[in-house]
């Protein structure tokens, strides 16, 4: 099980320093795509996403949380 991070440049950098693969997003379109890719990975167990990024794609985040067994989404 791997962790994957989604957020701004500073958050992604910090997650990478901690050994977590992370993607940088700047808008709703990029965030939706990053979340779709991360959630579709078989080895992804936890997605760490910033609150600001999650707010851009709230419906998609809620859908994954409520309708799928995994991955776990943690908002920071």
Protein backbone atom coordinates (compact mmCIF):
# COMPACT_ATOMS: atom_id res chain seq x y z
CA UNK A 1 0.00 0.00 0.00
CA UNK A 2 1.41 3.35 -1.04
CA UNK A 3 0.60 6.92 -0.17
CA UNK A 4 0.04 9.59 -2.81
CA UNK A 5 -0.17 13.34 -2.22
CA UNK A 6 -2.04 16.05 -4.11
CA UNK A 7 -1.60 19.73 -3.41
CA UNK A 8 0.29 22.94 -3.94
CA UNK A 9 4.04 23.10 -4.64
CA UNK A 10 5.10 23.51 -1.00
CA UNK A 11 2.93 20.66 0.28
CA UNK A 12 4.04 18.35 -2.52
CA UNK A 13 7.66 19.17 -1.80
CA UNK A 14 7.22 18.38 1.90
CA UNK A 15 5.49 15.09 1.14
CA UNK A 16 8.25 14.11 -1.28
CA UNK A 17 10.85 14.81 1.41
CA UNK A 18 8.94 12.38 3.62
CA UNK A 19 9.06 9.73 0.88
CA UNK A 20 5.52 10.16 -0.42
CA UNK A 21 4.93 10.45 -4.15
CA UNK A 22 3.06 13.72 -4.73
CA UNK A 23 1.62 15.74 -7.57
CA UNK A 24 1.35 19.51 -7.83
CA UNK A 25 -2.03 20.92 -8.86
CA UNK A 26 -3.00 24.49 -9.66
CA UNK A 27 -6.65 24.34 -10.74
CA UNK A 28 -9.81 22.24 -10.56
CA UNK A 29 -9.11 20.47 -13.84
CA UNK A 30 -5.63 19.38 -12.78
CA UNK A 31 -6.86 18.38 -9.35
CA UNK A 32 -9.65 16.24 -10.79
CA UNK A 33 -7.21 14.48 -13.10
CA UNK A 34 -4.63 13.89 -10.35
CA UNK A 35 -7.31 12.50 -8.04
CA UNK A 36 -8.69 10.24 -10.78
CA UNK A 37 -5.24 8.87 -11.53
CA UNK A 38 -4.32 8.35 -7.88
CA UNK A 39 -7.63 6.66 -7.05
CA UNK A 40 -7.24 4.37 -10.05
CA UNK A 41 -3.85 3.06 -8.99
CA UNK A 42 -4.00 -0.46 -7.60
CA UNK A 43 -1.10 0.18 -5.22
CA UNK A 44 -2.52 3.44 -3.77
CA UNK A 45 -3.97 2.95 -0.29
CA UNK A 46 -4.04 6.52 0.99
CA UNK A 47 -4.42 9.82 -0.85
CA UNK A 48 -3.27 12.88 1.08
CA UNK A 49 -4.88 16.01 -0.38
CA UNK A 50 -4.81 19.60 0.79
CA UNK A 51 -8.11 21.11 1.91
CA UNK A 52 -7.84 23.77 -0.80
CA UNK A 53 -7.38 21.16 -3.54
CA UNK A 54 -10.18 18.99 -2.15
CA UNK A 55 -12.53 21.99 -2.17
CA UNK A 56 -11.98 22.35 -5.92
CA UNK A 57 -13.28 18.83 -6.55
CA UNK A 58 -15.54 18.24 -3.54
CA UNK A 59 -18.06 16.07 -5.42
CA UNK A 60 -15.31 13.76 -6.69
CA UNK A 61 -13.71 13.48 -3.23
CA UNK A 62 -17.06 12.70 -1.60
CA UNK A 63 -17.87 10.12 -4.26
CA UNK A 64 -14.62 8.24 -3.61
CA UNK A 65 -15.08 8.45 0.16
CA UNK A 66 -18.69 7.27 0.15
CA UNK A 67 -18.93 4.85 -2.74
CA UNK A 68 -15.60 3.06 -2.86
CA UNK A 69 -13.79 0.81 -0.42
CA UNK A 70 -10.50 2.56 -1.11
CA UNK A 71 -8.29 4.39 -1.22
CA UNK A 72 -8.64 6.32 2.00
CA UNK A 73 -8.63 10.10 1.42
CA UNK A 74 -7.06 12.27 4.10
CA UNK A 75 -7.51 16.03 3.85
CA UNK A 76 -4.80 18.21 5.37
